Amino acid sequence: MRIEHDVRTRFPGTNVLVRRVNDITVEKVNTELEALKEKLIEETKNKFNAESLKDVPVFRLYRDFFWRLGIDPTKNRPAAEALVRRILVGKPIPSVNSVVEAYNLASVKTLVALAVFDADKLSGELTLRFAKVGEEFMGIGMDKPLHLSGDEVVVSDAEKLVAVYPYRDAEASKVTRETKNVVILVCGVPGISEETLLKASHTATKYITEFCGGEEMIE
């Protein structure tokens, strides 16, 4: 993962981890994963409350990052915070397929923003950079692309955008039932320790390999 100089300069200490898992099996629903979800829902309800959630230290760091990008985190909440908040207010965690479920639960467990891409839909090295003015981004489920202002931090491969960092992934590289190999992105922002990111990386990889099969590729 390459982080461009201007991103490092504006946001010193930003770290992103990348992991790859090959030969997975994506299911619509995995019953063992559903049991883990119920367990984590109970743990989350016992640990947090919706009123003070924004003050959890790791969520505060993501919120600060959002504010510095001109994104209002009260309207577009950081990914892990949004998932935890859904649990606390009684809303279901979105269930797309077993891989998405696995990394969403890893995010709930560790409070770290995660993204997972279909590795076979990526081209070349991933780069964290600022968007180009007018660059188009088609996020998952969007009806029409966004035209970016140039202030956004994005993730691109050699050909296209794959995410607006660290909260929205692209339609073109999303995980589907046909996906066989995935790339996991562990999304850090200034202030989040490498130890925290490594724990999230381990948890996401563990959940995906345990419930979707496959093997982590060590590069």
Protein backbone atom coordinates (compact mmCIF):
# COMPACT_ATOMS: atom_id res chain seq x y z
CA MET A 1 0.00 0.00 0.00
CA ARG A 2 1.49 3.31 -1.06
CA ILE A 3 0.57 6.49 0.81
CA GLU A 4 1.30 9.62 -1.19
CA HIS A 5 3.49 12.31 0.33
CA ASP A 6 0.81 15.01 0.55
CA VAL A 7 -1.47 12.68 2.55
CA ARG A 8 1.39 11.82 4.92
CA THR A 9 2.22 15.51 5.26
CA ARG A 10 -1.32 16.62 6.07
CA PHE A 11 -2.16 13.58 8.19
CA PRO A 12 1.11 12.41 9.79
CA GLY A 13 0.87 9.07 11.51
CA THR A 14 -1.75 7.68 9.16
CA ASN A 15 -1.16 3.98 8.70
CA VAL A 16 -3.02 1.48 6.53
CA LEU A 17 -2.58 -2.29 6.64
CA VAL A 18 -3.34 -4.59 3.72
CA ARG A 19 -3.97 -8.32 3.96
CA ARG A 20 -5.02 -10.87 1.33
CA VAL A 21 -7.03 -14.08 1.74
CA ASN A 22 -7.32 -16.50 -1.17
CA ASP A 23 -9.67 -19.37 -2.02
CA ILE A 24 -12.65 -18.26 0.05
CA THR A 25 -16.25 -19.41 -0.30
CA VAL A 26 -18.86 -16.66 -0.13
CA GLU A 27 -22.30 -17.69 1.16
CA LYS A 28 -25.51 -15.75 1.44
CA VAL A 29 -25.83 -16.74 5.10
CA ASN A 30 -23.54 -18.70 7.43
CA THR A 31 -25.30 -20.04 10.52
CA GLU A 32 -22.13 -20.15 12.65
CA LEU A 33 -21.42 -16.55 11.73
CA GLU A 34 -24.96 -15.64 12.77
CA ALA A 35 -24.24 -17.13 16.20
CA LEU A 36 -21.12 -14.97 16.51
CA LYS A 37 -23.16 -11.94 15.50
CA GLU A 38 -25.66 -12.52 18.30
CA LYS A 39 -22.83 -12.86 20.80
CA LEU A 40 -21.16 -9.62 19.64
CA ILE A 41 -24.49 -7.77 19.69
CA GLU A 42 -24.92 -8.65 23.36
CA GLU A 43 -21.32 -7.70 24.17
CA THR A 44 -21.76 -4.37 22.41
CA LYS A 45 -25.01 -3.53 24.20
CA ASN A 46 -23.34 -4.26 27.54
CA LYS A 47 -20.27 -2.16 26.76
CA PHE A 48 -21.58 1.01 25.08
CA ASN A 49 -24.54 3.36 24.99
CA ALA A 50 -25.66 5.47 22.05
CA GLU A 51 -25.46 8.82 23.89
CA SER A 52 -21.74 8.59 24.71
CA LEU A 53 -20.62 6.60 21.68
CA LYS A 54 -19.09 9.61 19.94
CA ASP A 55 -16.69 10.00 22.88
CA VAL A 56 -15.14 6.54 22.56
CA PRO A 57 -11.46 7.43 21.92
CA VAL A 58 -11.03 5.56 18.63
CA PHE A 59 -14.30 6.96 17.27
CA ARG A 60 -13.21 10.44 18.29
CA LEU A 61 -10.04 10.02 16.20
CA TYR A 62 -12.06 9.00 13.14
CA ARG A 63 -14.44 11.91 13.72
CA ASP A 64 -11.54 14.36 13.96
CA PHE A 65 -10.19 13.00 10.67
CA PHE A 66 -13.60 13.46 9.05
CA TRP A 67 -13.89 17.05 10.28
CA ARG A 68 -10.45 17.86 8.86
CA LEU A 69 -11.64 16.55 5.47
CA GLY A 70 -14.78 18.68 5.62
CA ILE A 71 -17.04 15.70 6.27
CA ASP A 72 -19.66 16.09 9.01
CA PRO A 73 -19.39 12.86 11.07
CA THR A 74 -22.80 13.46 12.60
CA LYS A 75 -24.28 12.96 9.11
CA ASN A 76 -21.75 10.53 7.63
CA ARG A 77 -20.57 8.57 10.63
CA PRO A 78 -17.32 6.59 10.63
CA ALA A 79 -18.00 3.03 9.52
CA ALA A 80 -17.34 1.18 12.77
CA GLU A 81 -19.22 3.77 14.81
CA ALA A 82 -22.20 3.50 12.46
CA LEU A 83 -22.28 -0.29 12.89
CA VAL A 84 -22.07 -0.10 16.69
CA ARG A 85 -24.73 2.60 16.77
CA ARG A 86 -27.09 0.42 14.72
CA ILE A 87 -26.77 -2.29 17.34
CA LEU A 88 -27.40 0.12 20.21
CA VAL A 89 -30.57 1.55 18.67
CA GLY A 90 -31.91 -1.88 17.72
CA LYS A 91 -31.30 -1.82 14.00
CA PRO A 92 -29.93 -4.90 12.21
CA ILE A 93 -26.40 -5.04 10.85
CA PRO A 94 -26.71 -5.07 7.04
CA SER A 95 -26.38 -8.64 5.79
CA VAL A 96 -25.05 -8.84 2.23
CA ASN A 97 -23.04 -12.05 2.27
CA SER A 98 -20.81 -14.01 4.64
CA VAL A 99 -17.60 -12.09 3.86
CA VAL A 100 -19.23 -8.69 4.38
CA GLU A 101 -20.81 -10.00 7.57
CA ALA A 102 -17.45 -11.31 8.80
CA TYR A 103 -15.55 -8.07 8.34
CA ASN A 104 -18.43 -5.98 9.67
CA LEU A 105 -18.35 -8.06 12.85
CA ALA A 106 -14.57 -7.66 13.02
CA SER A 107 -15.12 -3.91 12.83
CA VAL A 108 -17.71 -4.06 15.62
CA LYS A 109 -15.33 -6.12 17.75
CA THR A 110 -12.25 -3.91 17.24
CA LEU A 111 -13.91 -0.50 16.52
CA VAL A 112 -11.62 -0.06 13.50
CA ALA A 113 -12.83 0.82 10.01
CA LEU A 114 -12.30 -2.03 7.55
CA ALA A 115 -12.83 -2.50 3.84
CA VAL A 116 -12.69 -5.67 1.78
CA PHE A 117 -12.30 -5.77 -1.99
CA ASP A 118 -12.52 -8.53 -4.57
CA ALA A 119 -8.80 -9.02 -5.28
CA ASP A 120 -9.42 -10.17 -8.85
CA LYS A 121 -11.14 -6.87 -9.64
CA LEU A 122 -8.09 -4.85 -8.60
CA SER A 123 -5.23 -3.81 -10.85
CA GLY A 124 -1.76 -3.09 -9.53
CA GLU A 125 -0.77 -1.49 -6.24
CA LEU A 126 -3.26 0.30 -4.01
CA THR A 127 -2.56 3.96 -3.29
CA LEU A 128 -3.91 6.30 -0.64
CA ARG A 129 -4.05 9.79 -2.13
CA PHE A 130 -6.12 12.92 -2.47
CA ALA A 131 -8.85 12.83 -5.10
CA LYS A 132 -8.47 14.76 -8.32
CA VAL A 133 -10.92 17.60 -8.92
CA GLY A 134 -13.92 16.23 -10.82
CA GLU A 135 -12.88 12.61 -10.43
CA GLU A 136 -15.88 10.29 -10.48
CA PHE A 137 -16.63 7.75 -7.79
CA MET A 138 -19.41 5.18 -7.99
CA GLY A 139 -20.02 3.76 -4.53
CA ILE A 140 -21.84 0.56 -3.70
CA GLY A 141 -25.57 1.04 -4.14
CA MET A 142 -25.31 4.53 -5.64
CA ASP A 143 -27.57 5.51 -8.54
CA LYS A 144 -25.07 7.90 -10.06
CA PRO A 145 -21.42 8.71 -9.45
CA LEU A 146 -20.12 11.42 -7.17
CA HIS A 147 -17.95 14.11 -8.70
CA LEU A 148 -15.20 14.62 -6.15
CA SER A 149 -13.95 18.04 -5.10
CA GLY A 150 -10.30 17.10 -4.65
CA ASP A 151 -10.43 17.43 -0.86
CA GLU A 152 -11.32 13.78 -0.31
CA VAL A 153 -8.81 11.08 0.57
CA VAL A 154 -9.33 8.09 -1.71
CA VAL A 155 -7.95 4.64 -2.39
CA SER A 156 -7.15 3.83 -5.99
CA ASP A 157 -5.60 0.94 -7.83
CA ALA A 158 -3.66 1.44 -11.06
CA GLU A 159 -6.85 2.11 -13.03
CA LYS A 160 -9.72 3.31 -10.82
CA LEU A 161 -10.99 4.44 -7.46
CA VAL A 162 -11.92 1.65 -5.08
CA ALA A 163 -12.89 3.67 -1.99
CA VAL A 164 -13.44 7.10 -0.52
CA TYR A 165 -11.35 6.69 2.61
CA PRO A 166 -12.29 5.44 5.12
CA TYR A 167 -16.04 5.06 4.77
CA ARG A 168 -17.36 4.19 1.30
CA ASP A 169 -16.29 1.42 -1.11
CA ALA A 170 -16.70 1.26 -4.87
CA GLU A 171 -19.24 -0.79 -6.77
CA ALA A 172 -16.59 -2.00 -9.21
CA SER A 173 -14.52 -3.90 -6.63
CA LYS A 174 -17.18 -5.10 -4.18
CA VAL A 175 -17.31 -8.66 -2.85
CA THR A 176 -20.02 -10.86 -4.39
CA ARG A 177 -21.04 -14.52 -4.19
CA GLU A 178 -18.61 -15.18 -7.06
CA THR A 179 -15.59 -13.70 -5.24
CA LYS A 180 -12.73 -16.13 -4.61
CA ASN A 181 -9.93 -13.89 -3.33
CA VAL A 182 -10.13 -10.76 -1.18
CA VAL A 183 -7.95 -7.87 -0.08
CA ILE A 184 -8.61 -6.53 3.42
CA LEU A 185 -7.89 -2.87 4.12
CA VAL A 186 -7.40 -1.88 7.77
CA CYS A 187 -8.02 1.87 7.83
CA GLY A 188 -5.97 3.94 10.22
CA VAL A 189 -6.08 7.68 10.90
CA PRO A 190 -3.74 9.86 12.98
CA GLY A 191 -3.66 8.76 16.60
CA ILE A 192 -4.67 5.14 16.08
CA SER A 193 -1.78 2.91 17.09
CA GLU A 194 -0.26 0.23 14.93
CA GLU A 195 -1.08 -2.25 17.70
CA THR A 196 -4.78 -1.41 17.32
CA LEU A 197 -4.59 -1.84 13.55
CA LEU A 198 -2.75 -5.13 13.84
CA LYS A 199 -5.40 -6.44 16.23
CA ALA A 200 -8.12 -5.45 13.76
CA SER A 201 -6.18 -7.07 10.93
CA HIS A 202 -5.86 -10.30 12.87
CA THR A 203 -9.54 -10.31 13.84
CA ALA A 204 -10.77 -9.64 10.31
CA THR A 205 -8.53 -12.31 8.84
CA LYS A 206 -9.56 -14.78 11.55
CA TYR A 207 -13.28 -14.22 11.01
CA ILE A 208 -13.03 -14.47 7.22
CA THR A 209 -10.92 -17.63 7.20
CA GLU A 210 -12.94 -19.25 9.99
CA PHE A 211 -16.34 -18.67 8.41
CA CYS A 212 -15.52 -18.34 4.70
CA GLY A 213 -12.53 -20.62 4.37
CA GLY A 214 -9.44 -19.67 2.46
CA GLU A 215 -5.90 -18.91 3.56
CA GLU A 216 -4.14 -15.67 4.36
CA MET A 217 -1.38 -14.89 1.87
CA ILE A 218 1.79 -13.60 3.51
CA GLU A 219 3.63 -11.21 1.20
